[in-house]
Amino acid sequence: MSLKRNVELKIQEYLESFPVVAILGSRQCGKTTLSRMTCPDWNYFDLENSDDRDFVTQDYTFFFKKYPDTTIIDEAQASPDIFKELRGVIDQKRNQYGRFILTDSSSPHLKNSVSESLAGRVGIIELGTLKMNERYERAHPDIYRILDRFSPSEHLEHLQELKPSLNVNQVMHHFLHGGYPEPVTRDQPYFERWMSNYHKTYIERDIRSLFPNLNMENYRRFISMLSDLSGTIVNRSEVGRSLNVGESSIRNYLDIAEGTYIWRSLPSLEKTASKSMVKMAKGYLRDSGLLFHLLRIRDIERLYRYPGVGAAFEGFICEEIIQGLSAIENIPWGTNYYRTRNGAEVDLILTSPDGARIPVEIKFGMSTRRADLRSLSRFIEQEDCPYGILVNNNEEVTMLTENIIQIPAGCL
């Protein structure tokens, strides 16, 4: 089942502006399908296929003479030398755009390699697992168009016109199962088998091949621990003591998890009027389906009873928003969280390209008490924000105060 992805238009725009477009993301998130759907008539080579890899790499000069453009090179991390070779090929026709698409999965060093070898020649797009609207074949939500096209002073007027395209049951289903394209529309037994195999393959094949000297058992235990820490600040020293390794090893493990697109670190917002900021990053597993698989949460009833459901939902909504913005933006928005040593916290701070800050508070429930808005209200006043957003599982967009708008998760 091939589902339309939000970044398709962005890829086409990048192909009109760059000789190369690189699509980066976790294994099995849909990069190959997306690249072939976007350019169905292009030549295609998979460098994890030994025959294709031998053909491409045995004689780069011959290969690029025969395929100088309209070519997809899948799993490019399997032959890192290709980036330097590609630079020379591009520079021979520097003003010709839309020549190559590269894809990569599970290689934390590739983004740097691409940036260094193909600087100024490549447009980089990160692809996550399916967003809710992609899973249910809805249009890219209007909220991101509003945030991207209008000035912050105009946002509230347009945001109040939003209507949810998804109901609470659909949101909860996607929250539980996540967005890996292959298993997401299949029955539960297949979903569990696929997830188990995915987790095993990630540890035993991808990580082992990329980091042959890494202690695989420790890293496997570390990934399991991340499922309990998702949505929280990771205390590296405490995790290190649990695994009987040093803090530097935990820092390395986090870098690997983030570089292979399993984990997202959300940095603390440090430049604020407050002098008592917590400066450690918090983070979450990027796909909620993988999170709940690791936690052995198989159904909605267990999900509702899970004590950490609020933190998990925060991570889920943060990822939905970050992916939603990145599908259309050309100038990246800043994404942070805010917490003080006194306990004041805002789950997500969006910083627009012109510097305006939009705080977002995320609640799992359907109703919100005034007391729950205290930190959000204080942040709006303290940082002179144009407004704030409260995301929850209600089904109506409404103004909670004169400068805080409630937006249902089904609008994202």
Protein backbone atom coordinates (compact mmCIF):
# COMPACT_ATOMS: atom_id res chain seq x y z
CA MET A 1 0.00 0.00 0.00
CA SER A 2 1.63 3.27 -1.16
CA LEU A 3 0.48 6.31 0.79
CA LYS A 4 1.03 9.89 -0.30
CA ARG A 5 3.68 11.67 1.78
CA ASN A 6 3.64 15.30 2.85
CA VAL A 7 7.16 15.98 1.57
CA GLU A 8 6.48 14.98 -2.05
CA LEU A 9 5.99 18.59 -3.16
CA LYS A 10 9.08 19.67 -1.26
CA ILE A 11 11.16 17.02 -3.04
CA GLN A 12 9.91 18.26 -6.40
CA GLU A 13 10.76 21.85 -5.43
CA TYR A 14 14.25 20.80 -4.33
CA LEU A 15 14.80 18.94 -7.62
CA GLU A 16 14.23 22.28 -9.36
CA SER A 17 16.84 23.97 -7.16
CA PHE A 18 19.60 21.40 -6.54
CA PRO A 19 21.49 18.83 -8.62
CA VAL A 20 21.02 16.26 -5.83
CA VAL A 21 18.26 15.63 -3.31
CA ALA A 22 19.13 13.42 -0.32
CA ILE A 23 16.28 11.73 1.59
CA LEU A 24 17.39 10.66 5.05
CA GLY A 25 15.45 8.67 7.64
CA SER A 26 15.19 5.47 9.64
CA ARG A 27 15.13 2.12 7.93
CA GLN A 28 11.68 1.14 6.60
CA CYS A 29 10.18 4.61 6.96
CA GLY A 30 9.32 4.72 3.24
CA LYS A 31 12.28 6.46 1.55
CA THR A 32 12.56 4.01 -1.35
CA THR A 33 8.83 4.02 -2.06
CA LEU A 34 8.73 7.82 -1.87
CA SER A 35 11.67 8.35 -4.22
CA ARG A 36 10.29 5.92 -6.80
CA MET A 37 6.78 7.39 -6.57
CA THR A 38 8.16 10.90 -7.00
CA CYS A 39 10.29 9.97 -10.03
CA PRO A 40 8.79 6.74 -11.41
CA ASP A 41 10.65 6.87 -14.72
CA TRP A 42 14.13 7.37 -13.26
CA ASN A 43 16.89 4.74 -13.22
CA TYR A 44 17.10 2.96 -9.88
CA PHE A 45 20.03 1.30 -8.10
CA ASP A 46 20.04 -0.20 -4.61
CA LEU A 47 23.53 -0.25 -3.09
CA GLU A 48 22.48 -2.87 -0.54
CA ASN A 49 21.96 -5.19 -3.49
CA SER A 50 25.38 -6.70 -4.21
CA ASP A 51 24.88 -6.73 -7.99
CA ASP A 52 23.87 -3.07 -8.08
CA ARG A 53 26.67 -2.08 -5.70
CA ASP A 54 29.30 -3.87 -7.79
CA PHE A 55 28.00 -2.28 -10.99
CA VAL A 56 28.01 1.22 -9.53
CA THR A 57 31.29 1.11 -7.60
CA GLN A 58 33.61 -0.97 -9.82
CA ASP A 59 34.03 1.91 -12.25
CA TYR A 60 32.45 5.19 -11.18
CA THR A 61 33.56 6.93 -14.37
CA PHE A 62 31.74 4.38 -16.52
CA PHE A 63 28.65 4.39 -14.31
CA PHE A 64 28.18 8.16 -14.24
CA LYS A 65 28.88 8.46 -17.95
CA LYS A 66 26.10 5.96 -18.61
CA TYR A 67 23.78 7.44 -15.93
CA PRO A 68 24.61 11.16 -15.72
CA ASP A 69 21.17 12.19 -14.46
CA THR A 70 17.59 11.02 -13.63
CA THR A 71 19.04 8.37 -11.31
CA ILE A 72 17.99 7.18 -7.85
CA ILE A 73 20.77 5.70 -5.70
CA ASP A 74 19.16 3.89 -2.77
CA GLU A 75 20.92 3.13 0.55
CA ALA A 76 23.89 5.27 -0.45
CA GLN A 77 25.57 4.75 2.93
CA ALA A 78 26.62 1.29 1.69
CA SER A 79 29.27 2.98 -0.51
CA PRO A 80 30.42 6.21 1.19
CA ASP A 81 32.98 6.98 -1.55
CA ILE A 82 30.14 7.75 -3.92
CA PHE A 83 29.69 11.26 -2.48
CA LYS A 84 33.13 12.47 -3.53
CA GLU A 85 32.70 10.88 -6.96
CA LEU A 86 29.30 12.50 -7.34
CA ARG A 87 30.70 15.96 -6.59
CA GLY A 88 32.96 15.80 -9.64
CA VAL A 89 30.12 14.58 -11.85
CA ILE A 90 27.87 17.43 -10.72
CA ASP A 91 30.53 20.09 -11.15
CA GLN A 92 30.91 19.18 -14.82
CA LYS A 93 27.36 20.51 -15.31
CA ARG A 94 27.01 22.70 -12.25
CA ASN A 95 23.85 24.51 -13.38
CA GLN A 96 21.88 21.37 -14.25
CA TYR A 97 19.37 20.58 -11.50
CA GLY A 98 17.29 17.54 -10.61
CA ARG A 99 19.87 14.93 -11.58
CA PHE A 100 20.08 12.51 -8.65
CA ILE A 101 18.13 11.34 -5.61
CA LEU A 102 20.09 9.65 -2.82
CA THR A 103 18.51 7.83 0.10
CA ASP A 104 20.13 6.70 3.34
CA SER A 105 19.05 4.95 6.51
CA SER A 106 20.74 4.32 9.81
CA SER A 107 23.97 6.15 9.20
CA PRO A 108 24.67 8.94 11.69
CA HIS A 109 27.71 10.10 9.74
CA LEU A 110 26.09 10.39 6.32
CA LYS A 111 24.48 13.78 6.85
CA ASN A 112 27.89 15.26 7.58
CA SER A 113 29.42 13.42 4.62
CA VAL A 114 26.71 14.70 2.30
CA SER A 115 27.04 18.25 3.62
CA GLU A 116 30.83 18.26 3.31
CA SER A 117 31.16 16.51 -0.07
CA LEU A 118 28.12 18.07 -1.74
CA ALA A 119 27.91 21.46 -0.04
CA GLY A 120 25.77 23.82 -2.12
CA ARG A 121 24.83 20.98 -4.44
CA VAL A 122 22.34 19.04 -2.32
CA GLY A 123 18.94 19.62 -0.75
CA ILE A 124 18.48 17.45 2.34
CA ILE A 125 15.07 16.15 3.42
CA GLU A 126 14.49 14.09 6.56
CA LEU A 127 11.63 11.63 6.29
CA GLY A 128 9.93 10.32 9.42
CA THR A 129 7.49 7.48 9.74
CA LEU A 130 3.92 8.20 8.64
CA LYS A 131 2.19 11.21 10.14
CA MET A 132 -1.45 10.80 11.12
CA ASN A 133 -2.80 12.56 8.04
CA GLU A 134 -0.66 10.35 5.77
CA ARG A 135 -1.84 7.18 7.48
CA TYR A 136 -5.51 8.16 7.00
CA GLU A 137 -4.95 9.67 3.52
CA ARG A 138 -5.89 13.20 4.50
CA ALA A 139 -4.38 16.40 3.08
CA HIS A 140 -1.46 18.01 4.82
CA PRO A 141 -3.16 19.83 7.73
CA ASP A 142 -3.93 23.53 7.32
CA ILE A 143 -2.30 24.44 10.63
CA TYR A 144 1.18 24.19 9.08
CA ARG A 145 0.22 26.38 6.14
CA ILE A 146 -1.04 28.99 8.61
CA LEU A 147 2.13 28.87 10.70
CA ASP A 148 4.37 29.02 7.64
CA ARG A 149 2.60 31.63 5.48
CA PHE A 150 1.21 34.18 7.91
CA SER A 151 2.93 36.39 10.44
CA PRO A 152 2.46 35.34 14.10
CA SER A 153 0.21 38.36 14.70
CA GLU A 154 -2.23 36.91 12.12
CA HIS A 155 -2.14 33.28 13.30
CA LEU A 156 -4.97 33.32 15.82
CA GLU A 157 -7.49 34.65 13.33
CA HIS A 158 -6.82 31.73 10.99
CA LEU A 159 -6.24 29.04 13.61
CA GLN A 160 -9.74 29.57 14.99
CA GLU A 161 -11.13 28.39 11.63
CA LEU A 162 -9.45 24.96 11.87
CA LYS A 163 -11.56 21.81 11.88
CA PRO A 164 -10.22 18.38 12.95
CA SER A 165 -9.78 15.99 10.06
CA LEU A 166 -9.36 13.03 12.44
CA ASN A 167 -11.44 11.90 15.41
CA VAL A 168 -10.09 10.82 18.79
CA ASN A 169 -10.28 7.10 17.96
CA GLN A 170 -8.14 7.62 14.86
CA VAL A 171 -5.62 9.67 16.81
CA MET A 172 -5.40 6.99 19.50
CA HIS A 173 -5.01 4.21 16.94
CA HIS A 174 -2.10 5.99 15.31
CA PHE A 175 -0.60 6.87 18.70
CA LEU A 176 -0.62 3.18 19.68
CA HIS A 177 0.64 1.72 16.39
CA GLY A 178 2.95 4.43 15.09
CA GLY A 179 3.73 5.05 11.46
CA TYR A 180 6.04 2.47 9.91
CA PRO A 181 4.30 2.05 6.54
CA GLU A 182 4.57 -1.72 6.04
CA PRO A 183 2.85 -3.03 9.20
CA VAL A 184 0.55 -0.11 9.91
CA THR A 185 -2.40 -1.35 7.87
CA ARG A 186 -1.99 -5.04 8.70
CA ASP A 187 -3.51 -7.16 11.48
CA GLN A 188 -2.13 -7.15 15.02
CA PRO A 189 -0.20 -10.47 14.85
CA TYR A 190 1.64 -9.30 11.72
CA PHE A 191 2.30 -5.92 13.36
CA GLU A 192 3.92 -7.59 16.38
CA ARG A 193 6.05 -9.92 14.25
CA TRP A 194 7.17 -7.04 12.06
CA MET A 195 8.09 -4.84 15.02
CA SER A 196 10.04 -7.64 16.72
CA ASN A 197 11.98 -8.31 13.55
CA TYR A 198 12.58 -4.58 13.00
CA HIS A 199 14.00 -4.12 16.49
CA LYS A 200 16.22 -7.19 16.08
CA THR A 201 17.44 -6.09 12.64
CA TYR A 202 18.20 -2.57 13.85
CA ILE A 203 20.42 -3.86 16.65
CA GLU A 204 21.97 -6.93 15.07
CA ARG A 205 22.49 -5.74 11.50
CA ASP A 206 22.47 -1.95 11.19
CA ILE A 207 24.20 -1.01 14.42
CA ARG A 208 26.59 -3.98 14.32
CA SER A 209 27.72 -3.11 10.79
CA LEU A 210 28.08 0.61 11.53
CA PHE A 211 29.78 0.20 14.92
CA PRO A 212 31.50 -3.20 15.00
CA ASN A 213 33.33 -2.39 18.23
CA LEU A 214 30.20 -1.32 20.11
CA ASN A 215 29.01 -3.48 23.00
CA MET A 216 25.79 -4.73 21.39
CA GLU A 217 24.29 -6.12 24.57
CA ASN A 218 24.73 -2.80 26.37
CA TYR A 219 23.27 -0.90 23.42
CA ARG A 220 20.29 -3.28 23.25
CA ARG A 221 19.63 -2.72 26.96
CA PHE A 222 20.07 1.03 26.43
CA ILE A 223 17.37 1.12 23.71
CA SER A 224 15.02 -0.79 26.03
CA MET A 225 15.72 1.77 28.77
CA LEU A 226 14.93 4.60 26.35
CA SER A 227 11.37 3.32 26.10
CA ASP A 228 10.94 4.09 29.81
CA LEU A 229 12.72 7.44 29.46
CA SER A 230 10.86 8.65 26.36
CA GLY A 231 9.41 12.11 26.96
CA THR A 232 11.76 12.88 29.85
CA ILE A 233 15.15 14.42 30.53
CA VAL A 234 17.75 11.66 30.22
CA ASN A 235 20.11 11.71 33.17
CA ARG A 236 23.19 10.22 31.53
CA SER A 237 24.99 9.46 34.79
CA GLU A 238 22.00 7.53 36.18
CA VAL A 239 21.59 5.54 32.97
CA GLY A 240 25.32 4.85 32.96
CA ARG A 241 25.17 3.45 36.49
CA SER A 242 22.28 1.18 35.49
CA LEU A 243 24.31 -0.19 32.59
CA ASN A 244 27.62 -0.09 34.49
CA VAL A 245 29.21 2.17 31.86
CA GLY A 246 30.54 5.71 31.92
CA GLU A 247 28.59 8.84 31.08
CA SER A 248 30.62 9.26 27.88
CA SER A 249 29.33 5.87 26.66
CA ILE A 250 25.73 6.96 27.29
CA ARG A 251 26.40 10.19 25.37
CA ASN A 252 27.72 8.05 22.50
CA TYR A 253 24.67 5.75 22.64
CA LEU A 254 22.33 8.76 22.51
CA ASP A 255 24.22 10.15 19.51
CA ILE A 256 23.86 6.81 17.73
CA ALA A 257 20.14 6.54 18.52
CA GLU A 258 19.54 10.09 17.29
CA GLY A 259 21.78 9.68 14.24
CA THR A 260 19.90 6.57 13.17
CA TYR A 261 16.58 8.46 13.49
CA ILE A 262 15.21 6.34 16.34
CA TRP A 263 15.45 9.08 18.98
CA ARG A 264 14.89 12.83 18.87
CA SER A 265 16.61 15.11 21.36
CA LEU A 266 14.75 18.32 22.14
CA PRO A 267 17.15 20.95 23.51
CA SER A 268 16.27 23.27 26.34
CA LEU A 269 15.41 26.87 25.47
CA GLU A 270 18.27 28.73 27.11
CA LYS A 271 17.92 32.34 25.96
CA THR A 272 14.99 33.42 28.10
CA ALA A 273 14.13 35.99 30.73
CA SER A 274 14.32 33.26 33.39
CA LYS A 275 17.64 32.73 35.18
CA SER A 276 16.81 29.28 36.56
CA MET A 277 16.67 27.18 33.40
CA VAL A 278 17.20 23.43 33.27
CA LYS A 279 19.75 23.07 30.47
CA MET A 280 19.69 19.32 29.80
CA ALA A 281 17.90 18.10 26.67
CA LYS A 282 14.85 15.88 26.89
CA GLY A 283 13.97 13.39 24.21
CA TYR A 284 11.64 10.69 22.95
CA LEU A 285 11.49 7.69 20.66
CA ARG A 286 10.36 9.17 17.37
CA ASP A 287 7.88 6.44 16.45
CA SER A 288 5.24 5.81 19.12
CA GLY A 289 4.50 2.34 17.71
CA LEU A 290 8.09 1.28 18.36
CA LEU A 291 7.85 2.83 21.84
CA PHE A 292 4.77 0.83 22.80
CA HIS A 293 6.17 -2.34 21.24
CA LEU A 294 9.22 -2.05 23.52
CA LEU A 295 6.92 -1.33 26.48
CA ARG A 296 4.77 -4.38 25.59
CA ILE A 297 1.63 -2.25 25.37
CA ARG A 298 -0.54 -3.99 22.79
CA ASP A 299 -4.02 -2.46 23.07
CA ILE A 300 -5.85 0.75 23.84
CA GLU A 301 -6.95 -0.33 27.33
CA ARG A 302 -3.35 -0.93 28.41
CA LEU A 303 -2.35 2.31 26.77
CA TYR A 304 -4.88 4.28 28.82
CA ARG A 305 -3.69 2.63 32.03
CA TYR A 306 0.02 3.17 31.32
CA PRO A 307 1.37 5.61 33.96
CA GLY A 308 3.63 7.33 31.43
CA VAL A 309 0.94 7.89 28.79
CA GLY A 310 1.06 11.68 29.24
CA ALA A 311 4.82 11.89 28.56
CA ALA A 312 4.45 9.48 25.62
CA PHE A 313 1.66 11.62 24.15
CA GLU A 314 3.84 14.73 24.49
CA GLY A 315 6.56 13.07 22.42
CA PHE A 316 4.03 11.85 19.87
CA ILE A 317 2.54 15.32 19.37
CA CYS A 318 5.96 17.01 19.29
CA GLU A 319 6.99 14.68 16.48
CA GLU A 320 3.74 15.29 14.58
CA ILE A 321 4.29 19.06 14.77
CA ILE A 322 8.00 18.95 13.89
CA GLN A 323 7.34 16.69 10.90
CA GLY A 324 4.37 18.79 9.83
CA LEU A 325 6.43 21.98 9.75
CA SER A 326 9.48 20.40 8.11
CA ALA A 327 7.36 19.15 5.19
CA ILE A 328 6.75 22.70 3.97
CA GLU A 329 9.34 25.00 5.52
CA ASN A 330 12.45 26.16 3.69
CA ILE A 331 13.84 28.07 6.64
CA PRO A 332 13.78 25.73 9.67
CA TRP A 333 11.77 26.62 12.75
CA GLY A 334 13.48 26.32 16.11
CA THR A 335 12.14 23.56 18.37
CA ASN A 336 12.90 23.46 22.09
CA TYR A 337 11.27 22.79 25.42
CA TYR A 338 11.23 25.02 28.50
CA ARG A 339 11.71 24.03 32.12
CA THR A 340 12.91 25.93 35.17
CA ARG A 341 14.41 24.55 38.36
CA ASN A 342 11.23 25.71 40.08
CA GLY A 343 9.16 23.27 38.03
CA ALA A 344 7.60 25.61 35.43
CA GLU A 345 7.49 23.81 32.08
CA VAL A 346 6.23 24.22 28.52
CA ASP A 347 6.36 21.08 26.38
CA LEU A 348 7.37 22.60 23.04
CA ILE A 349 8.58 26.05 22.03
CA LEU A 350 8.37 26.84 18.32
CA THR A 351 10.56 29.71 17.13
CA SER A 352 9.56 31.11 13.74
CA PRO A 353 12.19 32.15 11.18
CA ASP A 354 11.67 35.79 12.21
CA GLY A 355 12.24 34.96 15.89
CA ALA A 356 8.68 34.89 17.27
CA ARG A 357 8.14 32.25 19.96
CA ILE A 358 4.98 30.12 20.06
CA PRO A 359 4.71 27.95 23.19
CA VAL A 360 2.79 24.68 22.95
CA GLU A 361 1.43 22.77 25.94
CA ILE A 362 0.31 19.17 25.35
CA LYS A 363 -2.29 17.31 27.43
CA PHE A 364 -3.51 13.75 26.92
CA GLY A 365 -7.04 14.42 28.19
CA MET A 366 -10.04 16.11 26.58
CA SER A 367 -10.51 18.96 29.04
CA THR A 368 -8.07 21.39 30.59
CA ARG A 369 -8.31 23.19 33.91
CA ARG A 370 -7.24 26.80 34.33
CA ALA A 371 -4.51 25.63 36.69
CA ASP A 372 -3.02 23.56 33.86
CA LEU A 373 -2.46 26.75 31.86
CA ARG A 374 -0.40 28.50 34.53
CA SER A 375 3.06 27.74 33.10
CA LEU A 376 1.91 28.48 29.57
CA SER A 377 0.37 31.82 30.58
CA ARG A 378 3.47 32.86 32.50
CA PHE A 379 5.73 31.99 29.58
CA ILE A 380 3.59 34.02 27.15
CA GLU A 381 3.81 37.04 29.42
CA GLN A 382 7.47 36.58 30.31
CA GLU A 383 8.66 36.15 26.71
CA ASP A 384 6.11 38.51 25.12
CA CYS A 385 4.74 35.75 22.87
CA PRO A 386 1.92 36.57 20.43
CA TYR A 387 -0.14 33.62 21.74
CA GLY A 388 0.10 30.04 23.02
CA ILE A 389 -1.35 26.69 21.93
CA LEU A 390 -2.88 23.95 24.05
CA VAL A 391 -3.06 20.59 22.19
CA ASN A 392 -5.33 17.91 23.65
CA ASN A 393 -7.87 15.27 22.63
CA ASN A 394 -10.87 17.56 22.55
CA GLU A 395 -12.59 17.82 19.18
CA GLU A 396 -13.21 21.57 19.09
CA VAL A 397 -10.93 24.51 18.41
CA THR A 398 -11.67 27.17 21.00
CA MET A 399 -10.07 30.13 22.73
CA LEU A 400 -9.34 29.19 26.37
CA THR A 401 -8.11 32.69 27.23
CA GLU A 402 -7.58 35.81 25.16
CA ASN A 403 -4.17 34.51 24.03
CA ILE A 404 -4.31 30.69 24.44
CA ILE A 405 -6.04 28.57 21.79
CA GLN A 406 -7.07 24.94 22.22
CA ILE A 407 -6.29 22.88 19.13
CA PRO A 408 -7.36 19.21 18.95
CA ALA A 409 -4.73 16.61 18.11
CA GLY A 410 -6.95 15.70 15.15
CA CYS A 411 -5.97 19.01 13.52
CA LEU A 412 -2.30 18.05 13.38
